[in-house]
């Protein structure tokens, strides 16, 4: 693949240091707001002014930190937790937990007809691990894995009494006021250790093209993944984004500001690389345009909620019948959301091409 020019880091983007943030988090100098002071947590950890009145936009909603904090303090009043139920859900996604066993335990320990039973049934129905011969099985151990977004997400589940998605989650049209804040500082979907490790395994030394990379949190997390063997290098990720969206925090300083389709057309269609699409949308034919420009090789990972009326698995089966779903696994889902990661592959001319999406 041709060399790719990187966008130089701007003076403004140096005010926030992702490496320093992660170091402070790993030393527990920063922790989730267990005192439930969400506003103070965001102001302190991101160095914002005390009287910050920034408007966090997410689709048609806009909130300030003060408004988000007000909703946190209201708790379940006013039906704010209408879709929430307390249950053990977050442990499924921890680096030390066996996903298949955790999902089975979630089901076997649930009372018949309970919310927990409905959640377990839904997650198990949409869990399709990779076959043993694919060599994509992630070995989860008790190793340290720093992921501030995951820790904050786990706290949000506890605070909002959220036990995970079930079949009716797709009909939920509301969310909590803290979600736009998390979007702006971390991104639209929280990556799990298993999701990141899966992408590393799929890449097999190839470049990962994070098209529509947003503020770069997934790119940054992938670059931090430790190589398994001495001969293996860290994951090389190219972040490409049109720059149309506004982000309060930027995690990488070398994002190429360009449309994904235009980038692929300029650099040979992304040959010998893995395409990563985080939260792809059908609107504006974004996803289909990326597939067409990717030399007919489409690695895609997506959350359920990225598509308005169907999952990406259903869309791929109808629109791209030549592509095979290799695996599907749940991702950490914010209250009222239902996210998942998919890997698709397609053989073309004797060459098998794989892809990962989140």
Protein backbone atom coordinates (compact mmCIF):
# COMPACT_ATOMS: atom_id res chain seq x y z
CA UNK A 1 0.00 0.00 0.00
CA UNK A 2 1.36 3.49 -0.83
CA UNK A 3 2.66 5.69 1.95
CA UNK A 4 -0.09 7.74 3.52
CA UNK A 5 0.42 11.39 4.50
CA UNK A 6 -0.74 12.14 8.03
CA UNK A 7 -2.50 15.26 9.15
CA UNK A 8 -0.10 17.23 11.39
CA UNK A 9 -1.09 17.66 15.02
CA UNK A 10 -2.52 21.10 15.65
CA UNK A 11 -1.59 23.36 18.54
CA UNK A 12 -5.07 23.00 20.03
CA UNK A 13 -4.91 19.21 20.05
CA UNK A 14 -1.81 19.23 22.28
CA UNK A 15 -3.74 20.64 25.25
CA UNK A 16 -5.06 17.15 26.00
CA UNK A 17 -2.55 14.30 26.36
CA UNK A 18 -4.11 10.84 25.85
CA UNK A 19 -0.96 9.12 27.14
CA UNK A 20 -0.93 11.20 30.33
CA UNK A 21 -4.66 10.55 30.77
CA UNK A 22 -4.17 6.78 30.49
CA UNK A 23 -1.19 6.86 32.84
CA UNK A 24 -3.24 8.70 35.47
CA UNK A 25 -6.07 6.21 34.97
CA UNK A 26 -3.78 3.19 35.31
CA UNK A 27 -2.41 4.64 38.59
CA UNK A 28 -6.01 5.21 39.75
CA UNK A 29 -5.41 8.95 40.00
CA UNK A 30 -8.58 9.12 37.92
CA UNK A 31 -11.50 6.80 38.66
CA UNK A 32 -15.16 6.73 37.62
CA UNK A 33 -17.40 9.10 39.64
CA UNK A 34 -18.43 6.63 42.31
CA UNK A 35 -19.78 9.61 44.28
CA UNK A 36 -22.11 10.15 41.27
CA UNK A 37 -20.72 13.65 40.64
CA UNK A 38 -20.50 13.15 36.89
CA UNK A 39 -20.02 16.85 36.16
CA UNK A 40 -17.04 17.20 38.51
CA UNK A 41 -15.49 14.05 37.03
CA UNK A 42 -15.61 15.36 33.45
CA UNK A 43 -14.32 18.82 34.46
CA UNK A 44 -11.44 17.39 36.51
CA UNK A 45 -10.24 14.64 34.20
CA UNK A 46 -10.43 16.71 31.00
CA UNK A 47 -9.22 19.99 32.52
CA UNK A 48 -12.35 21.99 31.74
CA UNK A 49 -13.29 25.35 33.32
CA UNK A 50 -15.42 25.10 36.46
CA UNK A 51 -18.30 27.07 34.91
CA UNK A 52 -18.18 25.08 31.67
CA UNK A 53 -21.36 25.58 29.63
CA UNK A 54 -20.42 23.69 26.44
CA UNK A 55 -23.44 22.24 24.60
CA UNK A 56 -22.95 18.51 23.95
CA UNK A 57 -24.83 17.57 20.78
CA UNK A 58 -26.00 14.05 19.92
CA UNK A 59 -28.39 13.88 16.97
CA UNK A 60 -31.16 16.35 17.87
CA UNK A 61 -30.40 16.51 21.61
CA UNK A 62 -28.12 19.00 23.34
CA UNK A 63 -27.15 19.08 27.01
CA UNK A 64 -24.63 20.86 29.22
CA UNK A 65 -22.66 19.20 32.01
CA UNK A 66 -24.90 20.87 34.57
CA UNK A 67 -28.02 19.48 32.91
CA UNK A 68 -26.50 16.00 32.66
CA UNK A 69 -25.57 16.15 36.36
CA UNK A 70 -29.11 17.20 37.23
CA UNK A 71 -30.50 14.09 35.56
CA UNK A 72 -27.92 11.92 37.36
CA UNK A 73 -29.05 13.36 40.69
CA UNK A 74 -32.72 12.85 39.84
CA UNK A 75 -32.03 9.15 39.53
CA UNK A 76 -35.14 7.12 38.82
CA UNK A 77 -37.50 10.04 39.40
CA UNK A 78 -39.73 11.04 36.52
CA UNK A 79 -39.45 7.60 34.93
CA UNK A 80 -35.84 8.31 33.88
CA UNK A 81 -34.89 4.69 34.54
CA UNK A 82 -37.98 3.27 32.87
CA UNK A 83 -35.97 0.74 30.85
CA UNK A 84 -33.37 0.00 33.53
CA UNK A 85 -33.08 -3.00 35.83
CA UNK A 86 -30.28 -3.97 38.22
CA UNK A 87 -28.30 -7.09 37.20
CA UNK A 88 -24.79 -8.39 36.71
CA UNK A 89 -24.04 -7.42 33.13
CA UNK A 90 -20.75 -5.56 32.90
CA UNK A 91 -18.61 -8.53 33.97
CA UNK A 92 -19.29 -10.20 30.61
CA UNK A 93 -16.96 -7.70 28.95
CA UNK A 94 -14.07 -7.70 31.40
CA UNK A 95 -10.65 -8.93 30.13
CA UNK A 96 -10.61 -11.77 32.66
CA UNK A 97 -14.08 -13.16 31.86
CA UNK A 98 -14.85 -15.99 29.44
CA UNK A 99 -17.64 -14.51 27.33
CA UNK A 100 -19.41 -17.77 26.46
CA UNK A 101 -19.40 -18.97 30.08
CA UNK A 102 -20.51 -15.57 31.37
CA UNK A 103 -23.47 -15.49 28.99
CA UNK A 104 -24.43 -19.04 29.92
CA UNK A 105 -24.23 -18.15 33.62
CA UNK A 106 -26.36 -15.06 33.04
CA UNK A 107 -29.06 -17.33 31.64
CA UNK A 108 -28.79 -20.27 34.05
CA UNK A 109 -28.90 -18.01 37.11
CA UNK A 110 -31.94 -16.06 35.93
CA UNK A 111 -35.44 -16.67 37.23
CA UNK A 112 -37.94 -17.75 34.60
CA UNK A 113 -39.80 -14.78 33.17
CA UNK A 114 -37.43 -12.25 34.75
CA UNK A 115 -35.81 -9.28 33.06
CA UNK A 116 -32.45 -11.00 33.49
CA UNK A 117 -33.79 -14.04 31.64
CA UNK A 118 -34.97 -11.84 28.75
CA UNK A 119 -31.56 -10.13 28.56
CA UNK A 120 -29.67 -13.43 28.62
CA UNK A 121 -31.93 -14.87 25.91
CA UNK A 122 -31.37 -11.85 23.69
CA UNK A 123 -27.58 -11.77 24.13
CA UNK A 124 -27.21 -15.51 23.56
CA UNK A 125 -29.39 -15.37 20.42
CA UNK A 126 -27.09 -12.73 18.95
CA UNK A 127 -23.81 -14.29 20.04
CA UNK A 128 -22.04 -16.13 17.22
CA UNK A 129 -18.41 -16.86 18.17
CA UNK A 130 -15.83 -17.64 15.52
CA UNK A 131 -15.26 -21.27 14.58
CA UNK A 132 -12.16 -22.90 16.13
CA UNK A 133 -10.38 -23.19 12.77
CA UNK A 134 -10.65 -19.42 12.16
CA UNK A 135 -7.99 -18.76 14.83
CA UNK A 136 -9.98 -15.73 16.00
CA UNK A 137 -10.77 -17.03 19.47
CA UNK A 138 -9.65 -14.49 22.07
CA UNK A 139 -7.90 -15.84 25.13
CA UNK A 140 -9.09 -13.67 28.00
CA UNK A 141 -6.95 -13.67 31.13
CA UNK A 142 -6.56 -11.58 34.28
CA UNK A 143 -4.04 -9.26 32.62
CA UNK A 144 -4.22 -5.51 33.13
CA UNK A 145 -6.03 -3.64 30.39
CA UNK A 146 -6.52 0.08 30.85
CA UNK A 147 -9.70 1.35 29.21
CA UNK A 148 -11.18 4.48 30.86
CA UNK A 149 -14.27 4.39 28.67
CA UNK A 150 -15.08 0.85 29.79
CA UNK A 151 -14.67 1.76 33.47
CA UNK A 152 -16.88 4.81 33.04
CA UNK A 153 -19.44 2.78 31.09
CA UNK A 154 -19.52 0.15 33.86
CA UNK A 155 -20.17 2.92 36.40
CA UNK A 156 -22.98 4.30 34.24
CA UNK A 157 -24.67 0.88 34.20
CA UNK A 158 -24.56 0.79 37.99
CA UNK A 159 -25.78 4.36 38.35
CA UNK A 160 -28.60 3.94 35.84
CA UNK A 161 -29.54 0.43 36.98
CA UNK A 162 -28.95 -1.01 33.51
CA UNK A 163 -28.64 -4.78 33.11
CA UNK A 164 -28.25 -4.98 29.35
CA UNK A 165 -30.39 -5.01 26.20
CA UNK A 166 -33.26 -7.33 25.42
CA UNK A 167 -35.62 -7.72 22.48
CA UNK A 168 -37.64 -4.63 23.35
CA UNK A 169 -34.59 -2.35 23.51
CA UNK A 170 -34.86 -1.68 19.78
CA UNK A 171 -38.11 0.19 20.46
CA UNK A 172 -36.52 2.52 23.05
CA UNK A 173 -36.36 6.05 21.61
CA UNK A 174 -34.90 7.90 24.60
CA UNK A 175 -31.58 7.86 26.41
CA UNK A 176 -29.93 9.51 29.39
CA UNK A 177 -28.51 13.03 29.32
CA UNK A 178 -24.98 11.83 30.11
CA UNK A 179 -24.73 9.95 26.80
CA UNK A 180 -23.95 13.02 24.60
CA UNK A 181 -21.15 13.90 27.04
CA UNK A 182 -19.61 10.44 26.69
CA UNK A 183 -19.97 10.62 22.91
CA UNK A 184 -18.02 13.87 22.71
CA UNK A 185 -15.17 12.76 24.99
CA UNK A 186 -14.86 9.06 24.09
CA UNK A 187 -16.92 8.12 21.05
CA UNK A 188 -20.22 6.54 20.01
CA UNK A 189 -19.41 2.98 21.13
CA UNK A 190 -17.26 1.67 23.97
CA UNK A 191 -14.71 -0.93 22.83
CA UNK A 192 -14.20 -4.05 24.94
CA UNK A 193 -10.91 -5.91 25.36
CA UNK A 194 -12.32 -8.82 23.36
CA UNK A 195 -13.37 -6.54 20.49
CA UNK A 196 -9.94 -4.90 20.27
CA UNK A 197 -8.15 -8.23 20.48
CA UNK A 198 -10.41 -9.65 17.78
CA UNK A 199 -9.47 -6.81 15.44
CA UNK A 200 -5.79 -7.45 16.17
CA UNK A 201 -6.22 -11.13 15.32
CA UNK A 202 -8.12 -10.39 12.12
CA UNK A 203 -5.49 -7.88 11.00
CA UNK A 204 -2.66 -10.46 11.23
CA UNK A 205 -0.04 -7.77 10.75
CA UNK A 206 -2.02 -5.86 8.13
CA UNK A 207 -3.01 -2.22 8.42
CA UNK A 208 -6.36 -1.36 9.94
CA UNK A 209 -8.23 1.43 8.18
CA UNK A 210 -10.47 3.21 10.67
CA UNK A 211 -12.73 5.08 8.26
CA UNK A 212 -15.03 7.57 9.92
CA UNK A 213 -12.73 7.43 12.94
CA UNK A 214 -14.37 10.34 14.76
CA UNK A 215 -12.26 11.49 17.70
CA UNK A 216 -9.97 8.48 17.33
CA UNK A 217 -10.63 6.56 20.56
CA UNK A 218 -10.82 3.17 18.80
CA UNK A 219 -7.66 3.98 16.83
CA UNK A 220 -5.85 4.96 20.02
CA UNK A 221 -6.97 1.82 21.86
CA UNK A 222 -5.92 -0.45 18.99
CA UNK A 223 -2.49 1.15 18.86
CA UNK A 224 -2.08 0.42 22.56
CA UNK A 225 -2.74 -3.31 22.21
CA UNK A 226 0.34 -5.27 23.25
CA UNK A 227 1.88 -7.67 20.67
CA UNK A 228 1.58 -11.33 21.67
CA UNK A 229 4.91 -12.62 20.31
CA UNK A 230 8.37 -11.11 19.93
CA UNK A 231 8.05 -11.07 16.14
CA UNK A 232 4.67 -9.35 16.18
CA UNK A 233 4.41 -5.57 15.90
CA UNK A 234 1.77 -3.29 17.34
CA UNK A 235 -1.37 -2.81 15.27
CA UNK A 236 -0.85 -0.13 12.64
CA UNK A 237 -4.01 1.94 12.33
CA UNK A 238 -4.76 4.71 9.85
CA UNK A 239 -7.47 7.07 11.09
CA UNK A 240 -9.52 8.78 8.37
CA UNK A 241 -12.40 11.15 9.03
CA UNK A 242 -14.19 13.86 7.07
CA UNK A 243 -14.06 16.24 10.04
CA UNK A 244 -17.77 17.05 9.72
CA UNK A 245 -18.52 16.20 13.36
CA UNK A 246 -17.38 18.20 16.37
CA UNK A 247 -15.55 16.43 19.21
CA UNK A 248 -14.64 17.84 22.60
CA UNK A 249 -11.70 15.45 23.03
CA UNK A 250 -9.42 14.14 20.28
CA UNK A 251 -7.38 11.01 21.03
CA UNK A 252 -5.03 10.92 18.03
CA UNK A 253 -3.26 13.79 16.32
CA UNK A 254 -2.63 12.20 12.92
CA UNK A 255 -6.17 11.74 11.59
CA UNK A 256 -6.31 12.17 7.82
CA UNK A 257 -9.10 14.66 7.15
CA UNK A 258 -10.76 13.21 4.08
CA UNK A 259 -13.91 11.33 3.13
CA UNK A 260 -13.53 7.57 3.45
CA UNK A 261 -14.57 6.84 -0.14
CA UNK A 262 -12.19 9.49 -1.47
CA UNK A 263 -9.34 8.10 0.63
CA UNK A 264 -9.91 4.56 -0.63
CA UNK A 265 -10.02 5.72 -4.24
CA UNK A 266 -6.76 7.65 -3.76
CA UNK A 267 -4.87 4.81 -2.08
CA UNK A 268 -5.67 1.77 -4.16
CA UNK A 269 -8.93 0.79 -2.49
CA UNK A 270 -7.25 -0.28 0.74
CA UNK A 271 -5.70 -3.42 -0.69
CA UNK A 272 -4.06 -5.70 1.88
CA UNK A 273 -5.68 -3.86 4.75
CA UNK A 274 -8.60 -4.41 7.11
CA UNK A 275 -11.46 -1.92 6.99
CA UNK A 276 -12.96 -0.86 10.30
CA UNK A 277 -16.28 0.99 10.38
CA UNK A 278 -17.41 2.02 13.84
CA UNK A 279 -21.11 2.84 14.01
CA UNK A 280 -21.74 2.87 10.23
CA UNK A 281 -24.97 4.40 9.01
CA UNK A 282 -27.24 3.55 6.10
CA UNK A 283 -28.22 7.21 5.74
CA UNK A 284 -26.59 8.91 2.76
CA UNK A 285 -25.44 5.49 1.49
CA UNK A 286 -22.30 5.81 3.65
CA UNK A 287 -21.83 2.08 4.20
CA UNK A 288 -22.54 0.99 0.62
CA UNK A 289 -20.18 3.67 -0.71
CA UNK A 290 -17.39 2.39 1.55
CA UNK A 291 -17.92 -1.18 0.35
CA UNK A 292 -17.87 -0.12 -3.28
CA UNK A 293 -14.64 1.83 -2.87
CA UNK A 294 -12.92 -0.91 -0.85
CA UNK A 295 -12.06 -2.98 -3.93
CA UNK A 296 -15.09 -5.12 -3.06
CA UNK A 297 -13.43 -6.18 0.18
CA UNK A 298 -15.46 -5.12 3.17
CA UNK A 299 -14.37 -5.62 6.77
CA UNK A 300 -17.06 -4.13 8.94
CA UNK A 301 -17.91 -3.90 12.62
CA UNK A 302 -21.11 -2.28 13.73
CA UNK A 303 -23.48 -1.73 16.57
CA UNK A 304 -27.14 -2.65 16.15
CA UNK A 305 -28.21 0.95 16.64
CA UNK A 306 -26.15 2.28 13.74
CA UNK A 307 -28.92 1.07 11.44
CA UNK A 308 -32.34 2.54 12.04
CA UNK A 309 -34.61 -0.43 11.28
CA UNK A 310 -32.32 -3.47 11.01
CA UNK A 311 -28.99 -4.84 12.14
CA UNK A 312 -25.99 -4.67 9.87
CA UNK A 313 -26.04 -8.48 9.64
CA UNK A 314 -29.51 -8.31 8.05
CA UNK A 315 -28.43 -5.48 5.77
CA UNK A 316 -25.30 -7.34 4.65
CA UNK A 317 -27.24 -10.54 3.96
CA UNK A 318 -29.62 -8.63 1.68
CA UNK A 319 -27.29 -6.10 0.03
CA UNK A 320 -23.98 -7.99 0.02
CA UNK A 321 -24.83 -11.71 -0.30
CA UNK A 322 -21.22 -12.58 -1.22
CA UNK A 323 -20.02 -11.70 2.24
CA UNK A 324 -19.92 -14.22 5.07
CA UNK A 325 -20.38 -13.35 8.73
CA UNK A 326 -17.43 -14.87 10.59
CA UNK A 327 -18.47 -13.84 14.08
CA UNK A 328 -20.80 -11.61 16.05
CA UNK A 329 -20.39 -10.64 19.68
CA UNK A 330 -22.07 -8.17 22.03
CA UNK A 331 -20.34 -4.91 22.88
CA UNK A 332 -20.73 -2.81 26.04
CA UNK A 333 -24.08 -1.12 25.45
CA UNK A 334 -25.09 2.13 27.09
CA UNK A 335 -28.48 2.20 28.82
CA UNK A 336 -31.23 1.92 26.21
CA UNK A 337 -28.81 0.82 23.45
CA UNK A 338 -27.90 -2.51 21.87
CA UNK A 339 -24.42 -2.69 20.31
CA UNK A 340 -22.46 -5.53 18.74
CA UNK A 341 -19.30 -6.24 16.78
CA UNK A 342 -19.33 -8.15 13.50
CA UNK A 343 -16.59 -9.64 11.35
CA UNK A 344 -17.31 -10.33 7.68
CA UNK A 345 -15.06 -11.93 5.09
CA UNK A 346 -15.18 -12.55 1.37
CA UNK A 347 -13.03 -14.69 -0.92
CA UNK A 348 -12.26 -13.15 -4.30
CA UNK A 349 -10.02 -14.70 -6.95
CA UNK A 350 -8.57 -17.19 -4.49
CA UNK A 351 -7.78 -14.43 -2.00
CA UNK A 352 -9.68 -14.43 1.29
CA UNK A 353 -10.31 -11.01 2.77
CA UNK A 354 -11.49 -10.46 6.34
CA UNK A 355 -12.98 -7.46 8.07
CA UNK A 356 -13.88 -6.32 11.58
CA UNK A 357 -16.50 -3.77 12.61
CA UNK A 358 -17.74 -2.26 15.85
